[in-house]
């Protein structure tokens, strides 16, 4: 019977780097969302002032 292939494993250092990257990406996405919401609010306020 054939053995199932081994899953690749990360070294502790590589795993820590991957977690740090994911944390940075998550923070960047949250900041981007905040910025987009702020832009939308400003656009809505500008539209309200025009009318």
Protein backbone atom coordinates (compact mmCIF):
# COMPACT_ATOMS: atom_id res chain seq x y z
CA UNK A 1 0.00 0.00 0.00
CA UNK A 2 1.33 3.46 -0.89
CA UNK A 3 1.97 5.95 1.87
CA UNK A 4 0.06 9.23 1.67
CA UNK A 5 2.28 12.17 0.74
CA UNK A 6 3.60 14.21 3.64
CA UNK A 7 2.21 17.69 4.05
CA UNK A 8 4.81 20.42 3.89
CA UNK A 9 5.57 21.90 7.30
CA UNK A 10 6.87 25.31 8.16
CA UNK A 11 9.76 25.93 10.47
CA UNK A 12 8.88 27.89 13.59
CA UNK A 13 10.65 30.92 12.11
CA UNK A 14 8.70 30.67 8.84
CA UNK A 15 5.46 30.14 10.72
CA UNK A 16 6.10 33.26 12.82
CA UNK A 17 6.88 35.25 9.67
CA UNK A 18 3.66 34.03 8.07
CA UNK A 19 1.62 35.03 11.12
CA UNK A 20 3.25 38.47 11.19
CA UNK A 21 2.46 38.95 7.51
CA UNK A 22 -1.16 37.97 8.04
CA UNK A 23 -1.41 40.41 10.97
CA UNK A 24 0.08 43.22 8.84
CA UNK A 25 -2.31 42.44 5.99
CA UNK A 26 -5.30 42.39 8.34
CA UNK A 27 -4.32 45.76 9.80
CA UNK A 28 -3.83 47.21 6.31
CA UNK A 29 -7.28 45.98 5.26
CA UNK A 30 -8.88 47.51 8.36
CA UNK A 31 -7.12 50.83 7.73
CA UNK A 32 -8.20 50.76 4.08
CA UNK A 33 -11.80 50.13 5.12
CA UNK A 34 -11.69 53.05 7.59
CA UNK A 35 -10.29 55.32 4.88
CA UNK A 36 -12.95 54.28 2.35
CA UNK A 37 -15.76 54.82 4.87
CA UNK A 38 -14.37 58.26 5.70
CA UNK A 39 -14.22 59.15 2.00
CA UNK A 40 -17.82 58.00 1.53
CA UNK A 41 -18.96 60.11 4.49
CA UNK A 42 -17.20 63.16 3.05
CA UNK A 43 -18.80 62.58 -0.36
CA UNK A 44 -22.24 62.23 1.24
CA UNK A 45 -21.70 65.42 3.25
CA UNK A 46 -20.59 67.30 0.14
CA UNK A 47 -23.68 66.09 -1.74
CA UNK A 48 -25.91 67.17 1.13
CA UNK A 49 -24.38 70.66 1.11
CA UNK A 50 -25.00 71.05 -2.63
CA UNK A 51 -28.72 70.48 -2.31
